[in-house]
Amino acid sequence: MEHSKDQKPAAAFKMTGDWKEQSKQLKAKYSQLTDEDLKYEAGKENDLFKRVEKRLNKNHDEVVNIIRKVQPAQAL
């Protein structure tokens, strides 16, 4: 298994904000996504990522970046 110093493990990704609103934004941008694809359960982020990866034909990092773009900016 390859590990890059620049990559963070998937566990480091944390969902923030209102997922219902974020999923609406994702569906508006990617019309092929369904409610089932975007079903989110705390602690099961990887299941969500895998569904979206498959539907959009994207790799894990691309999907994480897509989701991060719809999340609210985090306060420092």
PDB file of N, CA and C in Angstrom:
ATOM      1  N   MET A   1       0.839  -1.171   0.000  1.00  0.00           N
ATOM      2  CA  MET A   1       0.000   0.000   0.000  1.00  0.00           C
ATOM      3  C   MET A   1       0.888   1.240   0.000  1.00  0.00           C
ATOM      4  N   GLU A   2       0.624   2.168  -0.930  1.00  0.00           N
ATOM      5  CA  GLU A   2       1.452   3.363  -1.034  1.00  0.00           C
ATOM      6  C   GLU A   2       0.927   4.443  -0.103  1.00  0.00           C
ATOM      7  N   HIS A   3       1.854   5.163   0.510  1.00  0.00           N
ATOM      8  CA  HIS A   3       1.497   6.298   1.351  1.00  0.00           C
ATOM      9  C   HIS A   3       2.371   7.476   0.945  1.00  0.00           C
ATOM     10  N   SER A   4       1.759   8.573   0.654  1.00  0.00           N
ATOM     11  CA  SER A   4       2.494   9.791   0.334  1.00  0.00           C
ATOM     12  C   SER A   4       2.466  10.685   1.568  1.00  0.00           C
ATOM     13  N   LYS A   5       3.539  11.420   1.768  1.00  0.00           N
ATOM     14  CA  LYS A   5       3.585  12.321   2.919  1.00  0.00           C
ATOM     15  C   LYS A   5       2.560  13.442   2.787  1.00  0.00           C
ATOM     16  N   ASP A   6       2.153  13.746   1.540  1.00  0.00           N
ATOM     17  CA  ASP A   6       1.203  14.823   1.300  1.00  0.00           C
ATOM     18  C   ASP A   6      -0.245  14.384   1.491  1.00  0.00           C
ATOM     19  N   GLN A   7      -0.500  13.086   1.478  1.00  0.00           N
ATOM     20  CA  GLN A   7      -1.864  12.594   1.606  1.00  0.00           C
ATOM     21  C   GLN A   7      -2.223  12.367   3.065  1.00  0.00           C
ATOM     22  N   LYS A   8      -3.456  12.754   3.383  1.00  0.00           N
ATOM     23  CA  LYS A   8      -3.968  12.487   4.725  1.00  0.00           C
ATOM     24  C   LYS A   8      -4.827  11.235   4.640  1.00  0.00           C
ATOM     25  N   PRO A   9      -4.848  10.427   5.678  1.00  0.00           N
ATOM     26  CA  PRO A   9      -5.706   9.250   5.641  1.00  0.00           C
ATOM     27  C   PRO A   9      -7.171   9.669   5.580  1.00  0.00           C
ATOM     28  N   ALA A  10      -8.016   8.811   5.017  1.00  0.00           N
ATOM     29  CA  ALA A  10      -9.434   9.123   4.873  1.00  0.00           C
ATOM     30  C   ALA A  10     -10.075   9.443   6.217  1.00  0.00           C
ATOM     31  N   ALA A  11      -9.587   8.821   7.272  1.00  0.00           N
ATOM     32  CA  ALA A  11     -10.152   9.046   8.600  1.00  0.00           C
ATOM     33  C   ALA A  11      -9.985  10.502   9.036  1.00  0.00           C
ATOM     34  N   ALA A  12      -9.026  11.225   8.454  1.00  0.00           N
ATOM     35  CA  ALA A  12      -8.787  12.615   8.818  1.00  0.00           C
ATOM     36  C   ALA A  12      -9.880  13.530   8.267  1.00  0.00           C
ATOM     37  N   PHE A  13     -10.626  13.063   7.260  1.00  0.00           N
ATOM     38  CA  PHE A  13     -11.701  13.866   6.690  1.00  0.00           C
ATOM     39  C   PHE A  13     -12.882  13.871   7.636  1.00  0.00           C
ATOM     40  N   LYS A  14     -13.395  15.057   7.935  1.00  0.00           N
ATOM     41  CA  LYS A  14     -14.521  15.178   8.861  1.00  0.00           C
ATOM     42  C   LYS A  14     -15.634  15.965   8.191  1.00  0.00           C
ATOM     43  N   MET A  15     -16.826  15.377   8.192  1.00  0.00           N
ATOM     44  CA  MET A  15     -17.987  16.070   7.646  1.00  0.00           C
ATOM     45  C   MET A  15     -18.347  17.225   8.566  1.00  0.00           C
ATOM     46  N   THR A  16     -18.604  18.371   7.972  1.00  0.00           N
ATOM     47  CA  THR A  16     -19.020  19.534   8.756  1.00  0.00           C
ATOM     48  C   THR A  16     -20.214  20.178   8.076  1.00  0.00           C
ATOM     49  N   GLY A  17     -20.956  20.951   8.839  1.00  0.00           N
ATOM     50  CA  GLY A  17     -22.076  21.684   8.284  1.00  0.00           C
ATOM     51  C   GLY A  17     -23.309  20.816   8.066  1.00  0.00           C
ATOM     52  N   ASP A  18     -24.245  21.368   7.308  1.00  0.00           N
ATOM     53  CA  ASP A  18     -25.536  20.740   7.046  1.00  0.00           C
ATOM     54  C   ASP A  18     -25.416  19.836   5.820  1.00  0.00           C
ATOM     55  N   TRP A  19     -25.329  18.508   6.045  1.00  0.00           N
ATOM     56  CA  TRP A  19     -25.135  17.573   4.936  1.00  0.00           C
ATOM     57  C   TRP A  19     -26.306  17.614   3.966  1.00  0.00           C
ATOM     58  N   LYS A  20     -27.520  17.840   4.474  1.00  0.00           N
ATOM     59  CA  LYS A  20     -28.695  17.893   3.600  1.00  0.00           C
ATOM     60  C   LYS A  20     -28.529  18.998   2.555  1.00  0.00           C
ATOM     61  N   GLU A  21     -28.072  20.145   2.980  1.00  0.00           N
ATOM     62  CA  GLU A  21     -27.847  21.270   2.065  1.00  0.00           C
ATOM     63  C   GLU A  21     -26.679  20.977   1.121  1.00  0.00           C
ATOM     64  N   GLN A  22     -25.621  20.395   1.655  1.00  0.00           N
ATOM     65  CA  GLN A  22     -24.453  20.070   0.831  1.00  0.00           C
ATOM     66  C   GLN A  22     -24.806  19.038  -0.232  1.00  0.00           C
ATOM     67  N   SER A  23     -25.618  18.046   0.138  1.00  0.00           N
ATOM     68  CA  SER A  23     -25.996  17.020  -0.834  1.00  0.00           C
ATOM     69  C   SER A  23     -26.855  17.627  -1.944  1.00  0.00           C
ATOM     70  N   LYS A  24     -27.683  18.625  -1.620  1.00  0.00           N
ATOM     71  CA  LYS A  24     -28.463  19.322  -2.646  1.00  0.00           C
ATOM     72  C   LYS A  24     -27.534  20.021  -3.631  1.00  0.00           C
ATOM     73  N   GLN A  25     -26.484  20.654  -3.109  1.00  0.00           N
ATOM     74  CA  GLN A  25     -25.519  21.332  -3.978  1.00  0.00           C
ATOM     75  C   GLN A  25     -24.801  20.328  -4.880  1.00  0.00           C
ATOM     76  N   LEU A  26     -24.440  19.191  -4.327  1.00  0.00           N
ATOM     77  CA  LEU A  26     -23.764  18.160  -5.117  1.00  0.00           C
ATOM     78  C   LEU A  26     -24.677  17.626  -6.215  1.00  0.00           C
ATOM     79  N   LYS A  27     -25.956  17.396  -5.888  1.00  0.00           N
ATOM     80  CA  LYS A  27     -26.905  16.896  -6.884  1.00  0.00           C
ATOM     81  C   LYS A  27     -27.144  17.928  -7.977  1.00  0.00           C
ATOM     82  N   ALA A  28     -27.120  19.211  -7.617  1.00  0.00           N
ATOM     83  CA  ALA A  28     -27.298  20.269  -8.615  1.00  0.00           C
ATOM     84  C   ALA A  28     -26.099  20.308  -9.574  1.00  0.00           C
ATOM     85  N   LYS A  29     -24.924  20.083  -9.043  1.00  0.00           N
ATOM     86  CA  LYS A  29     -23.709  20.127  -9.857  1.00  0.00           C
ATOM     87  C   LYS A  29     -23.487  18.822 -10.629  1.00  0.00           C
ATOM     88  N   TYR A  30     -23.836  17.706 -10.015  1.00  0.00           N
ATOM     89  CA  TYR A  30     -23.640  16.380 -10.612  1.00  0.00           C
ATOM     90  C   TYR A  30     -24.994  15.682 -10.667  1.00  0.00           C
ATOM     91  N   SER A  31     -25.734  15.913 -11.742  1.00  0.00           N
ATOM     92  CA  SER A  31     -27.115  15.429 -11.840  1.00  0.00           C
ATOM     93  C   SER A  31     -27.228  13.909 -11.794  1.00  0.00           C
ATOM     94  N   GLN A  32     -26.131  13.192 -12.058  1.00  0.00           N
ATOM     95  CA  GLN A  32     -26.191  11.730 -12.026  1.00  0.00           C
ATOM     96  C   GLN A  32     -26.217  11.179 -10.600  1.00  0.00           C
ATOM     97  N   LEU A  33     -25.909  12.003  -9.596  1.00  0.00           N
ATOM     98  CA  LEU A  33     -25.952  11.541  -8.207  1.00  0.00           C
ATOM     99  C   LEU A  33     -27.393  11.405  -7.732  1.00  0.00           C
ATOM    100  N   THR A  34     -27.643  10.367  -6.960  1.00  0.00           N
ATOM    101  CA  THR A  34     -28.986  10.121  -6.423  1.00  0.00           C
ATOM    102  C   THR A  34     -28.974  10.335  -4.902  1.00  0.00           C
ATOM    103  N   ASP A  35     -30.171  10.368  -4.326  1.00  0.00           N
ATOM    104  CA  ASP A  35     -30.279  10.463  -2.865  1.00  0.00           C
ATOM    105  C   ASP A  35     -29.567   9.287  -2.204  1.00  0.00           C
ATOM    106  N   GLU A  36     -29.698   8.111  -2.801  1.00  0.00           N
ATOM    107  CA  GLU A  36     -29.056   6.914  -2.248  1.00  0.00           C
ATOM    108  C   GLU A  36     -27.528   7.044  -2.291  1.00  0.00           C
ATOM    109  N   ASP A  37     -26.999   7.599  -3.385  1.00  0.00           N
ATOM    110  CA  ASP A  37     -25.548   7.808  -3.494  1.00  0.00           C
ATOM    111  C   ASP A  37     -25.050   8.717  -2.376  1.00  0.00           C
ATOM    112  N   LEU A  38     -25.859   9.704  -2.020  1.00  0.00           N
ATOM    113  CA  LEU A  38     -25.441  10.732  -1.074  1.00  0.00           C
ATOM    114  C   LEU A  38     -25.909  10.475   0.351  1.00  0.00           C
ATOM    115  N   LYS A  39     -26.422   9.288   0.613  1.00  0.00           N
ATOM    116  CA  LYS A  39     -26.861   8.930   1.965  1.00  0.00           C
ATOM    117  C   LYS A  39     -25.641   8.931   2.882  1.00  0.00           C
ATOM    118  N   TYR A  40     -25.714   9.703   3.946  1.00  0.00           N
ATOM    119  CA  TYR A  40     -24.578   9.845   4.865  1.00  0.00           C
ATOM    120  C   TYR A  40     -24.950   9.364   6.254  1.00  0.00           C
ATOM    121  N   GLU A  41     -24.081   8.524   6.803  1.00  0.00           N
ATOM    122  CA  GLU A  41     -24.207   8.091   8.190  1.00  0.00           C
ATOM    123  C   GLU A  41     -22.880   8.378   8.869  1.00  0.00           C
ATOM    124  N   ALA A  42     -22.938   8.984  10.036  1.00  0.00           N
ATOM    125  CA  ALA A  42     -21.717   9.288  10.788  1.00  0.00           C
ATOM    126  C   ALA A  42     -20.903   8.016  10.987  1.00  0.00           C
ATOM    127  N   GLY A  43     -19.624   8.124  10.738  1.00  0.00           N
ATOM    128  CA  GLY A  43     -18.738   6.981  10.893  1.00  0.00           C
ATOM    129  C   GLY A  43     -18.650   6.097   9.661  1.00  0.00           C
ATOM    130  N   LYS A  44     -19.500   6.368   8.664  1.00  0.00           N
ATOM    131  CA  LYS A  44     -19.500   5.560   7.444  1.00  0.00           C
ATOM    132  C   LYS A  44     -19.187   6.422   6.220  1.00  0.00           C
ATOM    133  N   GLU A  45     -18.283   7.385   6.399  1.00  0.00           N
ATOM    134  CA  GLU A  45     -17.912   8.280   5.317  1.00  0.00           C
ATOM    135  C   GLU A  45     -17.357   7.515   4.116  1.00  0.00           C
ATOM    136  N   ASN A  46     -16.585   6.461   4.387  1.00  0.00           N
ATOM    137  CA  ASN A  46     -15.990   5.718   3.283  1.00  0.00           C
ATOM    138  C   ASN A  46     -17.042   5.061   2.399  1.00  0.00           C
ATOM    139  N   ASP A  47     -18.167   4.651   2.980  1.00  0.00           N
ATOM    140  CA  ASP A  47     -19.252   4.090   2.173  1.00  0.00           C
ATOM    141  C   ASP A  47     -19.799   5.158   1.219  1.00  0.00           C
ATOM    142  N   LEU A  48     -19.988   6.356   1.746  1.00  0.00           N
ATOM    143  CA  LEU A  48     -20.452   7.482   0.925  1.00  0.00           C
ATOM    144  C   LEU A  48     -19.448   7.747  -0.192  1.00  0.00           C
ATOM    145  N   PHE A  49     -18.166   7.829   0.151  1.00  0.00           N
ATOM    146  CA  PHE A  49     -17.139   8.106  -0.853  1.00  0.00           C
ATOM    147  C   PHE A  49     -17.150   7.059  -1.958  1.00  0.00           C
ATOM    148  N   LYS A  50     -17.247   5.791  -1.568  1.00  0.00           N
ATOM    149  CA  LYS A  50     -17.224   4.709  -2.569  1.00  0.00           C
ATOM    150  C   LYS A  50     -18.405   4.803  -3.529  1.00  0.00           C
ATOM    151  N   ARG A  51     -19.590   5.131  -2.993  1.00  0.00           N
ATOM    152  CA  ARG A  51     -20.763   5.266  -3.870  1.00  0.00           C
ATOM    153  C   ARG A  51     -20.579   6.415  -4.857  1.00  0.00           C
ATOM    154  N   VAL A  52     -20.083   7.546  -4.354  1.00  0.00           N
ATOM    155  CA  VAL A  52     -19.896   8.714  -5.213  1.00  0.00           C
ATOM    156  C   VAL A  52     -18.763   8.472  -6.216  1.00  0.00           C
ATOM    157  N   GLU A  53     -17.685   7.829  -5.766  1.00  0.00           N
ATOM    158  CA  GLU A  53     -16.579   7.489  -6.679  1.00  0.00           C
ATOM    159  C   GLU A  53     -17.102   6.673  -7.853  1.00  0.00           C
ATOM    160  N   LYS A  54     -17.900   5.657  -7.554  1.00  0.00           N
ATOM    161  CA  LYS A  54     -18.421   4.771  -8.591  1.00  0.00           C
ATOM    162  C   LYS A  54     -19.342   5.537  -9.539  1.00  0.00           C
ATOM    163  N   ARG A  55     -20.249   6.336  -8.983  1.00  0.00           N
ATOM    164  CA  ARG A  55     -21.229   7.054  -9.800  1.00  0.00           C
ATOM    165  C   ARG A  55     -20.551   8.099 -10.696  1.00  0.00           C
ATOM    166  N   LEU A  56     -19.556   8.804 -10.166  1.00  0.00           N
ATOM    167  CA  LEU A  56     -18.903   9.867 -10.928  1.00  0.00           C
ATOM    168  C   LEU A  56     -17.665   9.390 -11.682  1.00  0.00           C
ATOM    169  N   ASN A  57     -17.281   8.140 -11.452  1.00  0.00           N
ATOM    170  CA  ASN A  57     -16.067   7.597 -12.064  1.00  0.00           C
ATOM    171  C   ASN A  57     -14.853   8.455 -11.702  1.00  0.00           C
ATOM    172  N   LYS A  58     -14.716   8.730 -10.408  1.00  0.00           N
ATOM    173  CA  LYS A  58     -13.614   9.536  -9.878  1.00  0.00           C
ATOM    174  C   LYS A  58     -12.875   8.715  -8.828  1.00  0.00           C
ATOM    175  N   ASN A  59     -11.636   9.121  -8.555  1.00  0.00           N
ATOM    176  CA  ASN A  59     -10.895   8.432  -7.496  1.00  0.00           C
ATOM    177  C   ASN A  59     -11.235   9.053  -6.134  1.00  0.00           C
ATOM    178  N   HIS A  60     -10.755   8.426  -5.094  1.00  0.00           N
ATOM    179  CA  HIS A  60     -11.085   8.842  -3.722  1.00  0.00           C
ATOM    180  C   HIS A  60     -10.714  10.307  -3.462  1.00  0.00           C
ATOM    181  N   ASP A  61      -9.499  10.695  -3.823  1.00  0.00           N
ATOM    182  CA  ASP A  61      -9.056  12.075  -3.561  1.00  0.00           C
ATOM    183  C   ASP A  61      -9.919  13.094  -4.290  1.00  0.00           C
ATOM    184  N   GLU A  62     -10.319  12.772  -5.520  1.00  0.00           N
ATOM    185  CA  GLU A  62     -11.177  13.688  -6.279  1.00  0.00           C
ATOM    186  C   GLU A  62     -12.527  13.854  -5.582  1.00  0.00           C
ATOM    187  N   VAL A  63     -13.082  12.765  -5.098  1.00  0.00           N
ATOM    188  CA  VAL A  63     -14.377  12.823  -4.414  1.00  0.00           C
ATOM    189  C   VAL A  63     -14.272  13.616  -3.113  1.00  0.00           C
ATOM    190  N   VAL A  64     -13.214  13.386  -2.347  1.00  0.00           N
ATOM    191  CA  VAL A  64     -13.018  14.147  -1.105  1.00  0.00           C
ATOM    192  C   VAL A  64     -12.937  15.640  -1.427  1.00  0.00           C
ATOM    193  N   ASN A  65     -12.210  16.009  -2.467  1.00  0.00           N
ATOM    194  CA  ASN A  65     -12.087  17.423  -2.842  1.00  0.00           C
ATOM    195  C   ASN A  65     -13.417  18.001  -3.299  1.00  0.00           C
ATOM    196  N   ILE A  66     -14.199  17.226  -4.040  1.00  0.00           N
ATOM    197  CA  ILE A  66     -15.530  17.676  -4.469  1.00  0.00           C
ATOM    198  C   ILE A  66     -16.399  17.958  -3.254  1.00  0.00           C
ATOM    199  N   ILE A  67     -16.388  17.060  -2.287  1.00  0.00           N
ATOM    200  CA  ILE A  67     -17.209  17.235  -1.081  1.00  0.00           C
ATOM    201  C   ILE A  67     -16.691  18.407  -0.245  1.00  0.00           C
ATOM    202  N   ARG A  68     -15.398  18.549  -0.140  1.00  0.00           N
ATOM    203  CA  ARG A  68     -14.833  19.676   0.634  1.00  0.00           C
ATOM    204  C   ARG A  68     -15.271  21.019   0.062  1.00  0.00           C
ATOM    205  N   LYS A  69     -15.423  21.094  -1.253  1.00  0.00           N
ATOM    206  CA  LYS A  69     -15.807  22.361  -1.893  1.00  0.00           C
ATOM    207  C   LYS A  69     -17.212  22.813  -1.503  1.00  0.00           C
ATOM    208  N   VAL A  70     -18.087  21.898  -1.127  1.00  0.00           N
ATOM    209  CA  VAL A  70     -19.443  22.294  -0.738  1.00  0.00           C
ATOM    210  C   VAL A  70     -19.584  22.450   0.774  1.00  0.00           C
ATOM    211  N   GLN A  71     -18.533  22.144   1.507  1.00  0.00           N
ATOM    212  CA  GLN A  71     -18.594  22.304   2.963  1.00  0.00           C
ATOM    213  C   GLN A  71     -18.316  23.747   3.338  1.00  0.00           C
ATOM    214  N   PRO A  72     -18.913  24.201   4.441  1.00  0.00           N
ATOM    215  CA  PRO A  72     -18.664  25.578   4.870  1.00  0.00           C
ATOM    216  C   PRO A  72     -17.214  25.762   5.279  1.00  0.00           C
ATOM    217  N   ALA A  73     -16.714  26.973   5.090  1.00  0.00           N
ATOM    218  CA  ALA A  73     -15.347  27.278   5.501  1.00  0.00           C
ATOM    219  C   ALA A  73     -15.239  27.087   7.008  1.00  0.00           C
ATOM    220  N   GLN A  74     -14.163  26.450   7.425  1.00  0.00           N
ATOM    221  CA  GLN A  74     -13.983  26.210   8.862  1.00  0.00           C
ATOM    222  C   GLN A  74     -13.290  27.404   9.494  1.00  0.00           C
ATOM    223  N   ALA A  75     -13.794  27.820  10.633  1.00  0.00           N
ATOM    224  CA  ALA A  75     -13.182  28.921  11.380  1.00  0.00           C
ATOM    225  C   ALA A  75     -11.869  28.447  11.984  1.00  0.00           C
ATOM    226  N   LEU A  76     -10.902  29.353  12.009  1.00  0.00           N
ATOM    227  CA  LEU A  76      -9.600  29.009  12.583  1.00  0.00           C
ATOM    228  C   LEU A  76      -9.575  29.272  14.070  1.00  0.00           C
TER     229      LEU A  76
END
